[in-house]
């Protein structure tokens, strides 16, 4: 019965992240528009875009292999599986013997999704797809080690890589009981979030210039339902990264038992913390321009350095 309860809770939390993913993107776009003195599209626009793509037909390159058709589904499956490992409303989901909640596996699944998307872009044989895949893998090469260092820094104190246990331990600490390694790791995550979510200053999700595309350059050969799967995976990955940051550094407000009141308060706290990160991303996108690609490694090196110092201070 306990295993069934954990599976049900994990599925419910996964569904919540998948459903809220496009809404988070809509709010970021709305805040960005308001800060730029524009009306902007509705916060529900990402849902309308997904519905429109699902109704469209599919156009595929003559040089693409049959594997190209299953790439969007595999990317979405890897991203949704990563979302299933996050404690959202209850930190005890990851405390079972089931393989739910391992931070290393979560990072590996996100890396797998990036790899599959790059393989699909190369398989289509397009010039811009190959360029976007090359740039995306370069960014991933700089982001993923820093993300793993942040996870290791937090895991050393918690004694585990189980996200549920890490969130539970952080939840027992005082809100201001942060040490220097915590601050360095959190700052590293703030640097990595724009890179992992494909946003300014690393990438511009609204660009239409092929020579400046990173993530969007890999999507040029996809269309119809396949493009809808990748778009949904992108929205889900964004909220997964934000939820991972919440679970590692500020999991306060999570429910301790399964009651409507406790779950309602946990949901309100989770939405409030998400909104803080949404405002952060909106302000960053409205305050800075996209970096030249050759300056991106210097920017990401700052996050890698902070993550390394955080881990070094933990060990010392």
Protein backbone atom coordinates (compact mmCIF):
# COMPACT_ATOMS: atom_id res chain seq x y z
CA UNK A 1 0.00 0.00 0.00
CA UNK A 2 2.87 2.38 0.77
CA UNK A 3 4.37 1.81 -2.67
CA UNK A 4 1.01 2.49 -4.32
CA UNK A 5 0.68 5.68 -2.30
CA UNK A 6 4.15 6.87 -3.35
CA UNK A 7 3.47 6.05 -7.00
CA UNK A 8 0.15 7.88 -6.91
CA UNK A 9 1.68 10.93 -5.22
CA UNK A 10 4.58 11.00 -7.70
CA UNK A 11 2.18 10.76 -10.66
CA UNK A 12 -0.01 13.55 -9.25
CA UNK A 13 2.98 15.82 -8.71
CA UNK A 14 4.31 15.01 -12.18
CA UNK A 15 0.97 15.88 -13.73
CA UNK A 16 0.97 19.15 -11.80
CA UNK A 17 4.39 20.12 -13.18
CA UNK A 18 3.46 19.20 -16.75
CA UNK A 19 0.21 21.17 -16.55
CA UNK A 20 1.83 24.23 -14.96
CA UNK A 21 4.85 24.24 -17.30
CA UNK A 22 3.24 26.23 -20.16
CA UNK A 23 1.61 28.58 -17.64
CA UNK A 24 5.02 29.45 -16.18
CA UNK A 25 6.23 30.32 -19.68
CA UNK A 26 3.12 32.43 -20.24
CA UNK A 27 3.70 34.41 -17.04
CA UNK A 28 7.36 35.00 -17.93
CA UNK A 29 6.33 36.37 -21.32
CA UNK A 30 3.63 38.52 -19.72
CA UNK A 31 5.97 40.00 -17.11
CA UNK A 32 8.58 40.60 -19.78
CA UNK A 33 6.02 42.42 -21.94
CA UNK A 34 4.80 44.56 -19.04
CA UNK A 35 8.34 45.58 -18.12
CA UNK A 36 8.87 46.62 -21.75
CA UNK A 37 5.62 48.67 -21.73
CA UNK A 38 3.80 46.25 -24.03
CA UNK A 39 0.45 44.53 -23.64
CA UNK A 40 1.84 41.12 -24.49
CA UNK A 41 0.05 37.88 -25.22
CA UNK A 42 -2.23 36.13 -22.78
CA UNK A 43 -0.66 33.89 -20.15
CA UNK A 44 -2.66 31.06 -21.76
CA UNK A 45 -0.94 31.56 -25.13
CA UNK A 46 1.46 28.58 -24.70
CA UNK A 47 -1.53 26.25 -24.26
CA UNK A 48 -3.11 27.65 -27.43
CA UNK A 49 0.16 27.17 -29.32
CA UNK A 50 0.33 23.53 -28.21
CA UNK A 51 -3.26 22.93 -29.30
CA UNK A 52 -2.56 24.53 -32.69
CA UNK A 53 0.53 22.37 -33.25
CA UNK A 54 -1.38 19.21 -32.37
CA UNK A 55 -3.90 20.00 -35.14
CA UNK A 56 -1.25 20.58 -37.79
CA UNK A 57 0.27 18.03 -40.13
CA UNK A 58 3.86 16.81 -40.13
CA UNK A 59 6.50 17.75 -42.69
CA UNK A 60 9.71 15.71 -42.61
CA UNK A 61 13.00 15.99 -44.42
CA UNK A 62 13.74 13.39 -47.10
CA UNK A 63 17.11 12.68 -45.50
CA UNK A 64 15.68 11.98 -42.03
CA UNK A 65 15.64 8.40 -40.74
CA UNK A 66 12.66 6.73 -38.99
CA UNK A 67 14.34 7.52 -35.68
CA UNK A 68 13.64 11.21 -36.32
CA UNK A 69 9.91 10.58 -35.85
CA UNK A 70 10.29 9.15 -32.33
CA UNK A 71 12.79 11.74 -31.08
CA UNK A 72 10.08 14.20 -29.85
CA UNK A 73 8.31 11.45 -27.90
CA UNK A 74 11.57 10.28 -26.34
CA UNK A 75 12.54 13.84 -25.38
CA UNK A 76 9.16 14.39 -23.75
CA UNK A 77 9.31 11.01 -21.97
CA UNK A 78 12.78 11.73 -20.53
CA UNK A 79 11.72 15.18 -19.33
CA UNK A 80 8.47 13.96 -17.76
CA UNK A 81 10.34 11.13 -16.03
CA UNK A 82 12.73 13.69 -14.57
CA UNK A 83 9.72 15.67 -13.34
CA UNK A 84 8.45 12.55 -11.55
CA UNK A 85 11.51 12.59 -9.29
CA UNK A 86 10.88 16.00 -7.79
CA UNK A 87 9.19 16.58 -4.42
CA UNK A 88 6.64 19.30 -5.09
CA UNK A 89 3.92 19.21 -2.44
CA UNK A 90 5.29 16.48 -0.16
CA UNK A 91 8.97 15.86 0.51
CA UNK A 92 8.28 12.29 1.63
CA UNK A 93 7.67 11.04 -1.93
CA UNK A 94 11.32 10.33 -2.35
CA UNK A 95 11.69 8.44 0.93
CA UNK A 96 10.41 5.09 -0.36
CA UNK A 97 12.47 2.23 -1.76
CA UNK A 98 11.21 3.09 -5.23
CA UNK A 99 13.69 4.80 -7.59
CA UNK A 100 11.98 8.18 -7.22
CA UNK A 101 13.91 11.31 -6.31
CA UNK A 102 17.56 10.63 -7.14
CA UNK A 103 19.17 13.94 -8.11
CA UNK A 104 21.92 12.35 -10.18
CA UNK A 105 19.40 10.39 -12.24
CA UNK A 106 17.33 13.54 -12.72
CA UNK A 107 20.32 15.44 -14.14
CA UNK A 108 21.16 12.44 -16.33
CA UNK A 109 17.62 12.35 -17.76
CA UNK A 110 17.78 16.05 -18.61
CA UNK A 111 21.12 15.44 -20.31
CA UNK A 112 19.57 12.51 -22.21
CA UNK A 113 16.77 14.76 -23.46
CA UNK A 114 19.32 17.30 -24.69
CA UNK A 115 21.32 14.56 -26.42
CA UNK A 116 18.26 13.12 -28.15
CA UNK A 117 17.20 16.56 -29.36
CA UNK A 118 20.67 17.18 -30.78
CA UNK A 119 20.69 13.77 -32.50
CA UNK A 120 17.32 14.56 -34.07
CA UNK A 121 18.61 17.89 -35.38
CA UNK A 122 21.65 16.21 -36.91
CA UNK A 123 19.57 13.37 -38.34
CA UNK A 124 17.45 15.78 -40.39
CA UNK A 125 20.54 16.93 -42.27
CA UNK A 126 19.81 20.66 -42.06
CA UNK A 127 22.62 23.19 -41.72
CA UNK A 128 20.93 25.29 -39.03
CA UNK A 129 19.89 22.21 -37.09
CA UNK A 130 23.48 21.02 -36.93
CA UNK A 131 24.65 24.47 -35.89
CA UNK A 132 22.03 24.65 -33.13
CA UNK A 133 22.90 21.14 -31.93
CA UNK A 134 26.59 22.00 -31.77
CA UNK A 135 25.93 25.13 -29.75
CA UNK A 136 23.45 23.42 -27.44
CA UNK A 137 25.87 20.63 -26.63
CA UNK A 138 28.61 23.19 -25.95
CA UNK A 139 26.36 24.95 -23.46
CA UNK A 140 25.38 21.59 -21.94
CA UNK A 141 29.03 20.70 -21.51
CA UNK A 142 29.44 23.77 -19.31
CA UNK A 143 26.10 23.62 -17.48
CA UNK A 144 25.83 19.96 -16.51
CA UNK A 145 29.11 19.72 -14.52
CA UNK A 146 28.17 22.86 -12.58
CA UNK A 147 24.71 21.46 -11.87
CA UNK A 148 26.24 18.22 -10.62
CA UNK A 149 28.62 20.16 -8.35
CA UNK A 150 25.66 22.00 -6.84
CA UNK A 151 23.87 18.68 -6.24
CA UNK A 152 26.99 17.16 -4.65
CA UNK A 153 27.46 20.22 -2.43
CA UNK A 154 23.94 19.87 -1.05
CA UNK A 155 24.15 16.06 -0.92
CA UNK A 156 27.31 16.06 1.19
CA UNK A 157 25.48 17.76 4.04
CA UNK A 158 22.35 15.65 3.63
CA UNK A 159 24.28 12.39 3.25
CA UNK A 160 22.15 11.31 0.28
CA UNK A 161 21.20 12.26 -3.26
CA UNK A 162 17.52 11.54 -2.63
CA UNK A 163 15.69 14.78 -3.32
CA UNK A 164 12.90 13.98 -0.89
CA UNK A 165 15.37 13.47 1.95
CA UNK A 166 17.33 16.59 1.00
CA UNK A 167 14.14 18.65 0.96
CA UNK A 168 13.10 17.22 4.33
CA UNK A 169 16.46 18.11 5.87
CA UNK A 170 16.39 21.64 4.47
CA UNK A 171 12.81 22.01 5.69
CA UNK A 172 13.93 21.35 9.27
CA UNK A 173 16.51 24.13 9.18
CA UNK A 174 15.74 27.75 9.89
CA UNK A 175 15.04 29.90 6.87
CA UNK A 176 18.11 32.05 7.56
CA UNK A 177 20.44 29.22 8.61
CA UNK A 178 22.44 29.49 5.41
CA UNK A 179 26.21 29.16 5.32
CA UNK A 180 28.71 30.32 2.70
CA UNK A 181 28.51 27.06 0.67
CA UNK A 182 24.72 27.39 0.52
CA UNK A 183 24.95 30.94 -0.80
CA UNK A 184 27.56 29.97 -3.39
CA UNK A 185 25.53 26.98 -4.56
CA UNK A 186 22.35 29.06 -4.78
CA UNK A 187 24.13 31.78 -6.76
CA UNK A 188 25.48 29.10 -9.09
CA UNK A 189 21.91 27.88 -9.66
CA UNK A 190 20.79 31.42 -10.46
CA UNK A 191 23.49 31.52 -13.15
CA UNK A 192 22.55 28.10 -14.50
CA UNK A 193 18.78 28.66 -14.64
CA UNK A 194 18.84 30.95 -17.72
CA UNK A 195 21.17 28.54 -19.50
CA UNK A 196 19.12 25.43 -18.74
CA UNK A 197 15.85 27.14 -19.61
CA UNK A 198 17.20 28.66 -22.84
CA UNK A 199 16.70 32.27 -21.84
CA UNK A 200 18.56 35.57 -21.96
CA UNK A 201 21.47 36.20 -21.59
CA UNK A 202 22.49 32.74 -22.83
CA UNK A 203 19.74 32.18 -25.41
CA UNK A 204 16.69 34.03 -26.71
CA UNK A 205 13.54 31.87 -26.95
CA UNK A 206 11.79 34.50 -29.11
CA UNK A 207 14.49 34.86 -31.75
CA UNK A 208 13.82 34.20 -35.43
CA UNK A 209 17.40 34.71 -36.64
CA UNK A 210 18.85 31.32 -37.53
CA UNK A 211 22.45 32.41 -36.94
CA UNK A 212 21.72 33.33 -33.30
CA UNK A 213 19.60 30.29 -32.39
CA UNK A 214 20.71 27.71 -29.87
CA UNK A 215 17.78 25.64 -28.66
CA UNK A 216 15.37 26.91 -31.33
CA UNK A 217 17.81 26.00 -34.09
CA UNK A 218 17.33 22.30 -33.33
CA UNK A 219 13.56 22.58 -33.76
CA UNK A 220 13.47 23.92 -37.32
CA UNK A 221 13.00 20.46 -38.87
CA UNK A 222 10.17 19.45 -36.53
CA UNK A 223 6.52 20.25 -37.09
CA UNK A 224 3.00 19.33 -36.05
CA UNK A 225 2.52 16.97 -33.08
CA UNK A 226 6.26 16.29 -32.91
CA UNK A 227 7.00 19.97 -32.42
CA UNK A 228 4.19 20.10 -29.82
CA UNK A 229 5.90 17.29 -27.85
CA UNK A 230 9.21 19.16 -27.90
CA UNK A 231 7.54 22.43 -26.92
CA UNK A 232 5.80 20.72 -24.00
CA UNK A 233 9.12 19.12 -23.01
CA UNK A 234 10.73 22.58 -23.06
CA UNK A 235 8.03 24.00 -20.80
CA UNK A 236 8.34 21.00 -18.50
CA UNK A 237 12.12 21.22 -18.33
CA UNK A 238 11.87 24.86 -17.34
CA UNK A 239 9.59 24.15 -14.40
CA UNK A 240 11.70 21.09 -13.48
CA UNK A 241 14.80 23.27 -13.14
CA UNK A 242 12.90 25.82 -11.06
CA UNK A 243 11.38 23.08 -8.89
CA UNK A 244 14.80 21.50 -8.40
CA UNK A 245 16.11 24.83 -7.12
CA UNK A 246 13.12 25.08 -4.78
CA UNK A 247 13.63 21.52 -3.50
CA UNK A 248 17.34 22.02 -2.83
CA UNK A 249 17.29 25.47 -1.26
CA UNK A 250 13.80 26.57 -0.16
CA UNK A 251 11.39 23.63 0.27
CA UNK A 252 9.54 25.43 3.06
CA UNK A 253 5.80 24.98 3.15
CA UNK A 254 5.62 21.36 1.97
CA UNK A 255 2.81 19.23 3.37
CA UNK A 256 3.63 16.81 6.15
CA UNK A 257 0.48 14.72 5.70
CA UNK A 258 -2.15 14.04 3.06
CA UNK A 259 -5.02 16.34 4.00
CA UNK A 260 -6.80 18.87 1.77
CA UNK A 261 -5.72 21.74 4.01
CA UNK A 262 -2.05 20.74 4.10
CA UNK A 263 -1.90 20.04 0.36
CA UNK A 264 -3.68 23.33 -0.39
CA UNK A 265 -1.17 25.30 1.68
CA UNK A 266 1.71 23.39 0.08
CA UNK A 267 0.37 24.17 -3.40
CA UNK A 268 0.02 27.86 -2.51
CA UNK A 269 3.58 27.96 -1.16
CA UNK A 270 4.93 26.19 -4.25
CA UNK A 271 3.14 28.59 -6.61
CA UNK A 272 4.42 31.58 -4.63
CA UNK A 273 8.02 30.37 -4.85
CA UNK A 274 7.62 29.67 -8.56
CA UNK A 275 6.28 33.18 -9.06
CA UNK A 276 9.43 34.62 -7.46
CA UNK A 277 11.58 32.79 -10.00
CA UNK A 278 9.22 33.81 -12.81
CA UNK A 279 9.68 37.46 -11.86
CA UNK A 280 13.44 36.89 -11.67
CA UNK A 281 13.56 35.49 -15.21
CA UNK A 282 11.27 38.22 -16.53
CA UNK A 283 13.44 40.97 -15.02
CA UNK A 284 16.64 39.38 -16.33
CA UNK A 285 15.21 39.09 -19.86
CA UNK A 286 14.08 42.72 -19.80
CA UNK A 287 17.32 44.07 -18.33
CA UNK A 288 19.98 42.35 -20.41
CA UNK A 289 20.64 41.59 -24.05
CA UNK A 290 21.63 38.20 -25.40
CA UNK A 291 25.35 37.56 -25.11
CA UNK A 292 27.56 36.74 -28.03
CA UNK A 293 28.00 33.00 -28.13
CA UNK A 294 31.74 33.23 -27.50
CA UNK A 295 31.07 35.11 -24.25
CA UNK A 296 28.64 32.48 -22.95
CA UNK A 297 31.44 30.20 -21.61
CA UNK A 298 32.78 33.11 -19.54
CA UNK A 299 29.33 33.68 -18.05
CA UNK A 300 28.78 29.99 -17.30
CA UNK A 301 32.28 29.69 -15.87
CA UNK A 302 31.10 31.99 -13.07
CA UNK A 303 28.44 29.46 -12.11
CA UNK A 304 30.91 26.59 -12.40
CA UNK A 305 33.40 28.43 -10.16
CA UNK A 306 30.76 29.16 -7.51
CA UNK A 307 29.57 25.54 -7.56
CA UNK A 308 33.14 24.28 -7.25
CA UNK A 309 33.89 26.62 -4.34
CA UNK A 310 30.69 25.52 -2.63
CA UNK A 311 31.72 21.86 -2.89
CA UNK A 312 35.29 22.62 -1.84
CA UNK A 313 34.10 24.42 1.29
CA UNK A 314 31.88 21.47 2.14
CA UNK A 315 34.78 19.04 1.87
CA UNK A 316 37.22 21.26 3.77
